[in-house]
Amino acid sequence: MCLMCIICLVGCDEKELKIVKDNAKQELNDYIELLNESDYSLENWNKIKEICIEKNNLIDIQDSIDEIQRIKDDAIFEINNVAPNMISYEWIINNFDVNDEKEIWNGNLNEEYNDTIIIVTLKKTSTFPELDLSCFGLNNAIDLKYSGGVMPPDYFFQTEYNHLLDNYRQVVYIYFNPLGREQLIESIRKLEKLEFVKRVNPDYIGTGGV
């Protein structure tokens, strides 16, 4: 191939790459434009802007179209996990004993369970905070309920029963539209990464929770 042809080919590739980069960044910016800033705390809105800046900078230095698309998709995924008016993650962590040992669910696709409910056991706490869906970073969940209520039974706080608090953990049922098993397991793995979560598992019994 002649030198001029090579120069032309390289020039065309660079032009195509620039177009892909510009389109990816524009798509990301357009996505954020659709969000309502007033729906977010200042902290979380700044977090969204930081994600956008970081991913746009990453897009600028890529030389692979596939990598550009992956970064753009990752950015949208991360933005979706910044829930509107979400309680600060630091506040949540400060209300739980993060050293409470985590247990990883070892189930599989072949087991029988309800694909509309995930049961989440939270780590040990002495303050018993009431969390809402935004705290769990799931954009496909539709409802959340505490099993047995947010607080332990009143008698647990009586001196002779205080020892029961050592083994007490808040349990929440998170409800979804039917997910399908693969998506349900994906959501379980995502929840397991949260520092304040002790254990996550599907609803084997199908009782609907609380």
Protein backbone atom coordinates (compact mmCIF):
# COMPACT_ATOMS: atom_id res chain seq x y z
CA MET A 1 0.00 0.00 0.00
CA CYS A 2 1.38 3.40 -0.93
CA LEU A 3 2.33 5.93 1.75
CA MET A 4 -0.44 8.35 0.77
CA CYS A 5 -3.04 5.58 1.09
CA ILE A 6 -1.74 4.70 4.56
CA ILE A 7 -1.85 8.36 5.64
CA CYS A 8 -5.41 8.67 4.31
CA LEU A 9 -6.50 5.46 6.08
CA VAL A 10 -5.00 6.59 9.39
CA GLY A 11 -6.62 9.99 8.98
CA CYS A 12 -10.03 8.42 8.32
CA ASP A 13 -9.67 6.14 11.36
CA GLU A 14 -8.80 9.10 13.55
CA LYS A 15 -11.80 11.04 12.24
CA GLU A 16 -14.12 8.08 12.88
CA LEU A 17 -12.73 7.65 16.39
CA LYS A 18 -13.25 11.34 17.15
CA ILE A 19 -16.87 11.11 15.95
CA VAL A 20 -17.47 8.07 18.19
CA LYS A 21 -15.91 9.87 21.17
CA ASP A 22 -17.96 13.02 20.58
CA ASN A 23 -21.18 11.02 20.19
CA ALA A 24 -20.52 9.01 23.37
CA LYS A 25 -19.83 12.15 25.41
CA GLN A 26 -22.89 13.88 23.95
CA GLU A 27 -25.07 10.87 24.76
CA LEU A 28 -23.79 10.91 28.33
CA ASN A 29 -24.38 14.64 28.69
CA ASP A 30 -27.88 14.30 27.18
CA TYR A 31 -28.67 11.55 29.69
CA ILE A 32 -27.77 13.83 32.58
CA GLU A 33 -29.81 16.65 31.03
CA LEU A 34 -32.89 14.45 31.41
CA LEU A 35 -32.36 14.16 35.17
CA ASN A 36 -33.95 16.63 37.56
CA GLU A 37 -31.30 18.21 39.78
CA SER A 38 -33.88 19.08 42.44
CA ASP A 39 -34.55 15.35 42.93
CA TYR A 40 -31.04 14.86 44.32
CA SER A 41 -29.15 15.98 47.36
CA LEU A 42 -26.27 18.38 46.62
CA GLU A 43 -23.80 15.61 47.48
CA ASN A 44 -25.35 13.15 45.07
CA TRP A 45 -25.81 15.66 42.25
CA ASN A 46 -22.11 16.53 42.54
CA LYS A 47 -21.36 12.82 42.43
CA ILE A 48 -23.24 12.55 39.13
CA LYS A 49 -21.27 15.46 37.69
CA GLU A 50 -18.01 13.90 38.85
CA ILE A 51 -18.91 10.62 37.15
CA CYS A 52 -19.61 12.49 33.92
CA ILE A 53 -16.33 14.41 34.02
CA GLU A 54 -14.31 11.31 34.89
CA LYS A 55 -15.84 9.17 32.13
CA ASN A 56 -15.58 11.94 29.52
CA ASN A 57 -11.87 12.25 30.32
CA LEU A 58 -11.47 8.49 30.00
CA ILE A 59 -13.28 8.50 26.65
CA ASP A 60 -10.88 11.17 25.36
CA ILE A 61 -7.81 8.96 25.79
CA GLN A 62 -9.22 5.77 24.28
CA ASP A 63 -8.22 4.38 20.88
CA SER A 64 -10.81 1.58 20.79
CA ILE A 65 -14.44 2.08 19.77
CA ASP A 66 -15.53 -0.87 21.92
CA GLU A 67 -13.78 0.61 24.96
CA ILE A 68 -15.44 3.99 24.39
CA GLN A 69 -18.87 2.35 24.34
CA ARG A 70 -18.05 0.35 27.47
CA ILE A 71 -16.98 3.48 29.37
CA LYS A 72 -20.13 5.32 28.32
CA ASP A 73 -22.33 2.39 29.40
CA ASP A 74 -20.46 2.14 32.72
CA ALA A 75 -21.05 5.85 33.31
CA ILE A 76 -24.81 5.50 32.81
CA PHE A 77 -24.85 2.45 35.09
CA GLU A 78 -23.00 4.36 37.84
CA ILE A 79 -25.27 7.39 37.46
CA ASN A 80 -28.33 5.16 37.81
CA ASN A 81 -26.92 3.92 41.10
CA VAL A 82 -26.87 7.45 42.54
CA ALA A 83 -30.42 7.40 43.82
CA PRO A 84 -32.47 10.60 44.15
CA ASN A 85 -32.24 12.13 47.62
CA MET A 86 -30.24 9.14 48.81
CA ILE A 87 -29.12 9.17 52.42
CA SER A 88 -25.36 9.63 52.46
CA TYR A 89 -23.49 6.35 52.27
CA GLU A 90 -21.16 7.53 55.02
CA TRP A 91 -24.15 8.06 57.33
CA ILE A 92 -25.38 4.53 56.61
CA ILE A 93 -21.97 2.99 57.28
CA ASN A 94 -21.66 4.86 60.57
CA ASN A 95 -24.87 3.20 61.78
CA PHE A 96 -23.68 -0.36 61.21
CA ASP A 97 -20.84 -2.55 62.42
CA VAL A 98 -18.98 -3.06 59.14
CA ASN A 99 -16.79 -5.67 60.86
CA ASP A 100 -19.82 -7.93 61.26
CA GLU A 101 -18.79 -10.85 59.04
CA LYS A 102 -20.42 -10.96 55.63
CA GLU A 103 -21.97 -14.19 54.34
CA ILE A 104 -22.02 -14.86 50.59
CA TRP A 105 -24.99 -16.67 49.05
CA ASN A 106 -23.86 -19.83 47.25
CA GLY A 107 -27.09 -20.74 45.47
CA ASN A 108 -27.50 -21.26 41.74
CA LEU A 109 -29.94 -20.96 38.84
CA ASN A 110 -31.30 -24.48 39.29
CA GLU A 111 -32.87 -23.89 42.71
CA GLU A 112 -36.54 -23.06 43.23
CA TYR A 113 -37.27 -19.55 44.49
CA ASN A 114 -39.42 -16.51 43.92
CA ASP A 115 -37.85 -14.11 41.42
CA THR A 116 -39.77 -11.07 42.70
CA ILE A 117 -38.25 -10.87 46.21
CA ILE A 118 -34.74 -10.59 47.61
CA ILE A 119 -34.19 -10.94 51.35
CA VAL A 120 -31.44 -8.73 52.78
CA THR A 121 -30.03 -9.16 56.28
CA LEU A 122 -28.25 -6.01 57.45
CA LYS A 123 -25.17 -5.96 59.63
CA LYS A 124 -25.32 -5.48 63.36
CA THR A 125 -26.49 -2.07 64.56
CA SER A 126 -27.22 -0.35 67.84
CA THR A 127 -29.18 2.52 66.28
CA PHE A 128 -31.58 0.54 64.03
CA PRO A 129 -31.85 3.12 61.22
CA GLU A 130 -34.76 2.95 58.79
CA LEU A 131 -33.37 2.72 55.28
CA ASP A 132 -35.34 3.22 52.09
CA LEU A 133 -34.85 1.82 48.58
CA SER A 134 -32.47 4.60 47.59
CA CYS A 135 -29.91 3.27 50.08
CA PHE A 136 -29.52 0.02 48.14
CA GLY A 137 -28.67 1.47 44.72
CA LEU A 138 -31.13 -0.68 42.75
CA ASN A 139 -32.96 0.94 39.86
CA ASN A 140 -35.19 -2.08 39.23
CA ALA A 141 -36.70 -2.45 42.73
CA ILE A 142 -40.27 -1.32 43.41
CA ASP A 143 -40.74 -1.62 47.17
CA LEU A 144 -39.03 -2.40 50.47
CA LYS A 145 -40.43 -3.66 53.77
CA TYR A 146 -38.80 -4.53 57.08
CA SER A 147 -39.52 -8.02 58.35
CA GLY A 148 -41.00 -7.63 61.85
CA GLY A 149 -40.52 -3.86 61.75
CA VAL A 150 -37.51 -1.55 61.89
CA MET A 151 -36.90 -2.01 65.63
CA PRO A 152 -36.41 -5.22 67.63
CA PRO A 153 -39.23 -6.24 70.02
CA ASP A 154 -39.49 -3.89 72.99
CA TYR A 155 -38.58 -6.56 75.52
CA PHE A 156 -35.13 -6.97 73.89
CA PHE A 157 -34.21 -3.68 75.60
CA GLN A 158 -35.05 -4.96 79.06
CA THR A 159 -31.93 -5.73 81.10
CA GLU A 160 -32.58 -9.47 81.38
CA TYR A 161 -33.00 -9.77 77.58
CA ASN A 162 -30.25 -7.41 76.38
CA HIS A 163 -28.15 -10.38 75.31
CA LEU A 164 -30.68 -11.05 72.51
CA LEU A 165 -29.54 -7.86 70.79
CA ASP A 166 -26.14 -9.43 70.13
CA ASN A 167 -27.65 -11.78 67.58
CA TYR A 168 -30.36 -9.46 66.28
CA ARG A 169 -30.11 -8.24 62.68
CA GLN A 170 -32.58 -6.12 60.75
CA VAL A 171 -34.06 -7.94 57.75
CA VAL A 172 -35.58 -6.22 54.73
CA TYR A 173 -37.55 -7.65 51.84
CA ILE A 174 -36.91 -5.91 48.53
CA TYR A 175 -39.62 -6.37 45.92
CA PHE A 176 -39.24 -6.40 42.14
CA ASN A 177 -41.31 -6.95 39.06
CA PRO A 178 -40.47 -10.49 37.87
CA LEU A 179 -36.73 -10.41 37.20
CA GLY A 180 -35.88 -13.78 35.77
CA ARG A 181 -33.29 -15.83 37.58
CA GLU A 182 -30.16 -14.41 35.99
CA GLN A 183 -31.15 -10.82 36.79
CA LEU A 184 -32.16 -11.78 40.31
CA ILE A 185 -28.75 -13.34 40.95
CA GLU A 186 -27.08 -10.26 39.43
CA SER A 187 -29.03 -8.07 41.90
CA ILE A 188 -28.02 -10.33 44.79
CA ARG A 189 -24.34 -10.00 43.88
CA LYS A 190 -24.70 -6.24 43.66
CA LEU A 191 -26.32 -6.04 47.11
CA GLU A 192 -23.61 -8.25 48.59
CA LYS A 193 -21.05 -5.56 47.77
CA LEU A 194 -22.70 -3.03 50.11
CA GLU A 195 -20.65 -2.69 53.29
CA PHE A 196 -23.69 -2.56 55.58
CA VAL A 197 -25.20 -5.77 54.19
CA LYS A 198 -24.46 -9.03 55.98
CA ARG A 199 -26.32 -11.57 53.88
CA VAL A 200 -28.52 -11.64 50.75
CA ASN A 201 -30.64 -14.49 49.48
CA PRO A 202 -33.75 -15.09 47.37
CA ASP A 203 -37.14 -15.99 48.81
CA TYR A 204 -37.11 -19.79 48.77
CA ILE A 205 -40.47 -20.11 50.55
CA GLY A 206 -42.38 -17.54 48.55
CA THR A 207 -44.14 -16.07 51.56
CA GLY A 208 -43.90 -12.51 50.27
CA GLY A 209 -41.92 -11.35 53.27
CA VAL A 210 -43.35 -9.52 56.22
